[in-house]
Amino acid sequence: MNQPFQIFLLTEDDVAKIAAAPDGPHHHDYEELIVGMKGRLEHFIDFKSTTILAPFVSFVTRGKIHRVLPGTENGVCRMWVLRFKSEFIAETTFQLYSRYHDHANVALQPGSCFDRLVTLCEIIDGEMQQPTPDLAVVRHLLSALFTMIESERRKTEPDETGNHSTQNITFKNFLDILEENFRRPEGVEFYAEKLFMSPRNLNLICKQILQKSVSEIIETRKLIEAKNLLTTTDKPIAEIGFDLGYNEKAYFTAVFKKKSGQTPTEFREEMRRLVS
């Protein structure tokens, strides 16, 4: 996916095409949200297969192995599919990982509350249909959509109990502290101390939930913010690197290229071509 954001409506015609040539389990380099109004979704994720009926939402984080097979109910399928790069809503993405890493599919109740989600998708699609879509507007609408989804999710899902819930809480607290401090040159010891635990235990929790070490998560958060700033501001590259705790432009450029396959300049130029 080259564009920072995409949205499209999945219908029964698409269901037939997908059924004729289904994908195998795969992962992608973007985040994906499916808002199901009509139909059903057979979803293989976390090494198990689940079928969920509309209305529902399904959120798949970047890099997670999964497979979706949409289906019809009474011959009808209507699902909004939204795909976006992690940096598109940088301040929200990691919180989504915390909420949905083992709850990709959420069944919702029909009615006016769910209808609001559909309306927001329609507004986002309307903006994307403009000759020159305003991605800043889309960004705010997408954040609002996830806020509404979280509100509905809390109504339908009971609180978890036991050790797994404790790990989720710890991970969420880590992400909250990371959001406040990722611009600083701090490592795993800093975050473990803030959480009153050992670096080893914090690494174990992060590995279990995101399959990344604490250091990798910190670096990924910095990279997401760097891409966000390169896309949405005209700040010099050296200043962006300094803002994120890299004192030398050359080192920031080397880290950025190693993680993204492009230099900051190349990434900025590509984003400008895509958005223009």
Protein backbone atom coordinates (compact mmCIF):
# COMPACT_ATOMS: atom_id res chain seq x y z
CA MET A 1 0.00 0.00 0.00
CA ASN A 2 1.51 3.31 -1.12
CA GLN A 3 -1.20 5.77 -0.14
CA PRO A 4 -1.36 6.87 3.52
CA PHE A 5 -5.11 6.14 3.62
CA GLN A 6 -7.70 4.20 1.61
CA ILE A 7 -11.39 3.44 2.06
CA PHE A 8 -13.74 1.32 -0.03
CA LEU A 9 -17.09 -0.45 0.25
CA LEU A 10 -17.13 -4.24 0.06
CA THR A 11 -20.31 -5.71 -1.51
CA GLU A 12 -21.69 -9.09 -2.50
CA ASP A 13 -20.01 -8.71 -5.90
CA ASP A 14 -16.64 -8.54 -4.16
CA VAL A 15 -17.57 -11.56 -2.01
CA ALA A 16 -17.97 -13.66 -5.15
CA LYS A 17 -14.60 -12.53 -6.53
CA ILE A 18 -12.80 -13.25 -3.25
CA ALA A 19 -14.45 -16.66 -2.96
CA ALA A 20 -13.23 -17.53 -6.46
CA ALA A 21 -9.60 -16.72 -5.58
CA PRO A 22 -9.20 -16.55 -1.79
CA ASP A 23 -5.98 -15.32 -0.19
CA GLY A 24 -4.01 -17.54 2.11
CA PRO A 25 -2.88 -16.34 5.55
CA HIS A 26 -0.80 -13.19 5.08
CA HIS A 27 0.27 -9.95 6.73
CA HIS A 28 0.41 -6.39 5.45
CA ASP A 29 2.33 -3.19 6.07
CA TYR A 30 -0.72 -1.13 7.04
CA GLU A 31 -3.50 -1.11 9.64
CA GLU A 32 -6.93 -2.35 8.54
CA LEU A 33 -10.38 -1.63 9.98
CA ILE A 34 -13.52 -3.37 8.71
CA VAL A 35 -16.93 -2.02 9.68
CA GLY A 36 -19.53 -4.66 8.82
CA MET A 37 -23.12 -3.46 8.29
CA LYS A 38 -24.49 -6.50 6.45
CA GLY A 39 -23.10 -9.99 5.92
CA ARG A 40 -20.61 -12.11 7.81
CA LEU A 41 -16.85 -12.41 8.11
CA GLU A 42 -14.84 -15.60 8.49
CA HIS A 43 -11.62 -14.42 10.09
CA PHE A 44 -8.51 -16.51 10.68
CA ILE A 45 -6.30 -14.68 13.18
CA ASP A 46 -4.20 -15.63 16.19
CA PHE A 47 -4.11 -19.16 14.76
CA LYS A 48 -7.84 -19.71 15.07
CA SER A 49 -10.82 -19.13 12.81
CA THR A 50 -13.92 -17.18 13.88
CA THR A 51 -17.10 -16.29 12.02
CA ILE A 52 -18.77 -13.05 13.05
CA LEU A 53 -22.11 -11.66 11.84
CA ALA A 54 -22.85 -8.00 11.17
CA PRO A 55 -22.96 -5.57 12.78
CA PHE A 56 -19.31 -5.81 13.83
CA VAL A 57 -15.93 -4.15 13.61
CA SER A 58 -12.67 -5.95 12.95
CA PHE A 59 -9.27 -4.33 13.40
CA VAL A 60 -6.06 -5.99 12.23
CA THR A 61 -2.75 -4.48 13.25
CA ARG A 62 0.17 -4.12 10.88
CA GLY A 63 2.21 -7.29 10.51
CA LYS A 64 -0.30 -9.66 12.09
CA ILE A 65 -0.88 -12.95 10.24
CA HIS A 66 -4.54 -13.29 9.25
CA ARG A 67 -7.03 -14.13 6.50
CA VAL A 68 -10.52 -12.74 5.93
CA LEU A 69 -13.30 -14.32 3.90
CA PRO A 70 -16.34 -12.03 3.69
CA GLY A 71 -19.74 -13.61 3.11
CA THR A 72 -23.35 -12.64 2.55
CA GLU A 73 -26.43 -12.91 4.73
CA ASN A 74 -29.69 -13.17 2.76
CA GLY A 75 -27.64 -12.42 -0.35
CA VAL A 76 -26.32 -9.07 0.94
CA CYS A 77 -22.89 -7.85 2.03
CA ARG A 78 -21.98 -4.29 2.99
CA MET A 79 -18.67 -3.61 4.72
CA TRP A 80 -16.54 -0.49 4.87
CA VAL A 81 -12.82 -1.31 4.67
CA LEU A 82 -10.39 1.37 5.88
CA ARG A 83 -6.65 0.95 5.45
CA PHE A 84 -4.05 3.38 6.72
CA LYS A 85 -0.36 3.67 7.46
CA SER A 86 0.64 3.61 11.13
CA GLU A 87 1.87 7.20 10.99
CA PHE A 88 -1.47 8.48 9.66
CA ILE A 89 -2.86 8.64 13.22
CA ALA A 90 0.46 8.25 15.01
CA GLU A 91 -0.80 9.27 18.45
CA THR A 92 -3.53 6.61 18.35
CA THR A 93 -2.01 3.60 16.61
CA PHE A 94 -0.21 2.03 19.56
CA GLN A 95 -3.28 2.39 21.74
CA LEU A 96 -5.16 0.38 19.11
CA TYR A 97 -2.52 -2.34 19.37
CA SER A 98 -3.19 -2.49 23.10
CA ARG A 99 -6.96 -2.76 22.71
CA TYR A 100 -7.19 -5.13 19.78
CA HIS A 101 -4.11 -7.33 19.80
CA ASP A 102 -6.12 -10.37 20.90
CA HIS A 103 -9.64 -9.04 20.27
CA ALA A 104 -9.59 -8.34 16.53
CA ASN A 105 -13.32 -8.95 16.07
CA VAL A 106 -15.94 -7.08 18.09
CA ALA A 107 -19.66 -7.83 17.70
CA LEU A 108 -21.80 -4.72 18.19
CA GLN A 109 -25.47 -4.05 18.77
CA PRO A 110 -27.59 -2.73 15.88
CA GLY A 111 -29.22 0.64 16.28
CA SER A 112 -28.47 4.34 16.31
CA CYS A 113 -25.07 4.02 18.03
CA PHE A 114 -23.73 1.65 15.38
CA ASP A 115 -25.34 3.77 12.66
CA ARG A 116 -23.12 6.67 13.77
CA LEU A 117 -20.06 4.59 12.87
CA VAL A 118 -21.48 3.96 9.41
CA THR A 119 -22.25 7.65 8.94
CA LEU A 120 -18.67 8.56 9.82
CA CYS A 121 -17.39 6.06 7.25
CA GLU A 122 -19.67 7.62 4.64
CA ILE A 123 -18.37 11.10 5.49
CA ILE A 124 -14.76 9.89 5.25
CA ASP A 125 -15.50 8.26 1.89
CA GLY A 126 -17.13 11.48 0.69
CA GLU A 127 -14.01 13.44 1.57
CA MET A 128 -11.78 10.90 -0.20
CA GLN A 129 -13.94 11.24 -3.34
CA GLN A 130 -13.11 14.96 -3.58
CA PRO A 131 -10.68 16.00 -6.35
CA THR A 132 -8.17 16.95 -3.64
CA PRO A 133 -9.06 15.16 -0.39
CA ASP A 134 -8.11 16.97 2.80
CA LEU A 135 -6.21 14.27 4.68
CA ALA A 136 -6.16 16.39 7.83
CA VAL A 137 -9.97 16.16 7.89
CA VAL A 138 -9.82 12.41 7.22
CA ARG A 139 -7.28 11.99 10.03
CA HIS A 140 -9.57 13.66 12.57
CA LEU A 141 -12.61 11.71 11.39
CA LEU A 142 -10.71 8.42 11.62
CA SER A 143 -9.63 9.21 15.18
CA ALA A 144 -13.24 10.05 16.05
CA LEU A 145 -14.37 6.77 14.49
CA PHE A 146 -12.03 4.76 16.73
CA THR A 147 -13.18 6.75 19.77
CA MET A 148 -16.80 5.81 18.99
CA ILE A 149 -15.84 2.17 18.39
CA GLU A 150 -14.07 2.02 21.74
CA SER A 151 -17.16 3.45 23.43
CA GLU A 152 -19.31 0.73 21.85
CA ARG A 153 -16.76 -1.99 22.60
CA ARG A 154 -16.84 -1.16 26.31
CA LYS A 155 -20.61 -1.68 26.31
CA THR A 156 -20.42 -5.18 24.86
CA GLU A 157 -17.25 -6.75 26.27
CA PRO A 158 -17.02 -7.82 29.93
CA ASP A 159 -13.93 -6.95 31.93
CA GLU A 160 -11.20 -9.58 31.75
CA THR A 161 -9.84 -11.25 34.84
CA GLY A 162 -6.64 -13.02 35.79
CA ASN A 163 -3.03 -12.76 34.69
CA HIS A 164 -3.81 -11.98 31.06
CA SER A 165 -5.71 -8.88 32.15
CA THR A 166 -2.79 -7.85 34.36
CA GLN A 167 -0.45 -8.10 31.38
CA ASN A 168 -2.83 -6.01 29.27
CA ILE A 169 -2.97 -3.33 31.95
CA THR A 170 0.82 -3.29 32.25
CA PHE A 171 1.20 -3.03 28.49
CA LYS A 172 -1.35 -0.22 28.29
CA ASN A 173 0.45 1.64 31.09
CA PHE A 174 3.74 1.18 29.24
CA LEU A 175 2.21 2.68 26.09
CA ASP A 176 0.85 5.62 28.08
CA ILE A 177 4.32 6.32 29.53
CA LEU A 178 5.88 5.81 26.10
CA GLU A 179 3.52 8.36 24.56
CA GLU A 180 4.75 10.95 27.05
CA ASN A 181 8.45 10.12 26.73
CA PHE A 182 9.27 8.58 23.33
CA ARG A 183 10.92 11.80 22.17
CA ARG A 184 13.51 11.41 24.93
CA PRO A 185 16.60 9.17 24.57
CA GLU A 186 15.36 6.67 27.17
CA GLY A 187 15.73 2.88 27.11
CA VAL A 188 14.01 -0.14 28.62
CA GLU A 189 15.37 0.50 32.13
CA PHE A 190 13.60 3.86 32.29
CA TYR A 191 10.20 2.40 31.40
CA ALA A 192 10.63 -0.66 33.62
CA GLU A 193 11.45 1.58 36.57
CA LYS A 194 8.36 3.69 35.93
CA LEU A 195 6.27 0.50 36.01
CA PHE A 196 8.01 -0.88 39.14
CA MET A 197 9.15 -4.02 37.36
CA SER A 198 12.28 -5.57 35.89
CA PRO A 199 13.35 -4.86 32.30
CA ARG A 200 13.19 -8.62 31.65
CA ASN A 201 9.51 -8.89 32.67
CA LEU A 202 8.54 -5.82 30.67
CA ASN A 203 10.29 -7.27 27.62
CA LEU A 204 8.45 -10.58 28.09
CA ILE A 205 5.06 -8.83 28.14
CA CYS A 206 5.88 -6.76 25.04
CA LYS A 207 7.17 -9.83 23.20
CA GLN A 208 3.96 -11.72 24.00
CA ILE A 209 1.64 -8.93 22.86
CA LEU A 210 3.45 -7.30 19.92
CA GLN A 211 6.25 -9.78 19.25
CA LYS A 212 8.69 -6.89 19.74
CA SER A 213 11.14 -5.99 22.47
CA VAL A 214 10.74 -2.76 24.43
CA SER A 215 13.61 -1.21 22.45
CA GLU A 216 11.97 -2.17 19.15
CA ILE A 217 8.65 -0.66 20.26
CA ILE A 218 10.34 2.59 21.30
CA GLU A 219 12.16 2.78 17.98
CA THR A 220 8.97 1.99 16.05
CA ARG A 221 7.10 4.77 17.89
CA LYS A 222 9.86 7.21 17.00
CA LEU A 223 9.73 6.08 13.36
CA ILE A 224 5.95 6.51 13.20
CA GLU A 225 6.27 10.05 14.57
CA ALA A 226 9.14 10.83 12.20
CA LYS A 227 6.99 9.75 9.22
CA ASN A 228 4.10 11.80 10.57
CA LEU A 229 6.27 14.94 10.84
CA LEU A 230 7.87 14.36 7.45
CA THR A 231 4.42 14.08 5.88
CA THR A 232 2.57 16.88 7.68
CA THR A 233 5.26 19.54 8.34
CA ASP A 234 8.11 21.31 6.54
CA LYS A 235 10.49 20.91 9.46
CA PRO A 236 14.12 20.26 8.44
CA ILE A 237 15.15 16.63 8.77
CA ALA A 238 17.85 17.43 11.30
CA GLU A 239 15.26 19.21 13.50
CA ILE A 240 12.86 16.25 13.31
CA GLY A 241 15.66 13.90 14.33
CA PHE A 242 16.67 16.18 17.21
CA ASP A 243 13.04 16.41 18.39
CA LEU A 244 12.98 12.60 18.59
CA GLY A 245 16.19 12.26 20.59
CA TYR A 246 18.70 11.83 17.74
CA ASN A 247 21.49 14.36 18.18
CA GLU A 248 23.08 13.73 14.79
CA LYS A 249 21.26 13.98 11.47
CA ALA A 250 23.44 11.25 9.94
CA TYR A 251 22.54 8.77 12.68
CA PHE A 252 18.83 9.60 12.42
CA THR A 253 18.97 9.14 8.65
CA ALA A 254 20.76 5.79 9.02
CA VAL A 255 18.21 4.48 11.55
CA PHE A 256 15.28 5.71 9.44
CA LYS A 257 16.62 4.07 6.27
CA LYS A 258 17.35 0.80 8.07
CA LYS A 259 13.76 0.60 9.35
CA SER A 260 11.85 1.97 6.35
CA GLY A 261 14.10 1.27 3.37
CA GLN A 262 14.23 4.98 2.45
CA THR A 263 16.04 8.04 3.68
CA PRO A 264 13.86 10.71 5.34
CA THR A 265 14.23 12.87 2.23
CA GLU A 266 13.15 10.06 -0.08
CA PHE A 267 10.15 9.28 2.13
CA ARG A 268 9.06 12.93 2.27
CA GLU A 269 9.33 13.33 -1.50
CA GLU A 270 7.32 10.15 -2.11
CA MET A 271 4.56 11.25 0.29
CA ARG A 272 4.34 14.63 -1.40
CA ARG A 273 3.97 12.98 -4.80
CA LEU A 274 1.22 10.69 -3.48
CA VAL A 275 -0.72 13.46 -1.76
CA SER A 276 -0.42 16.02 -4.56
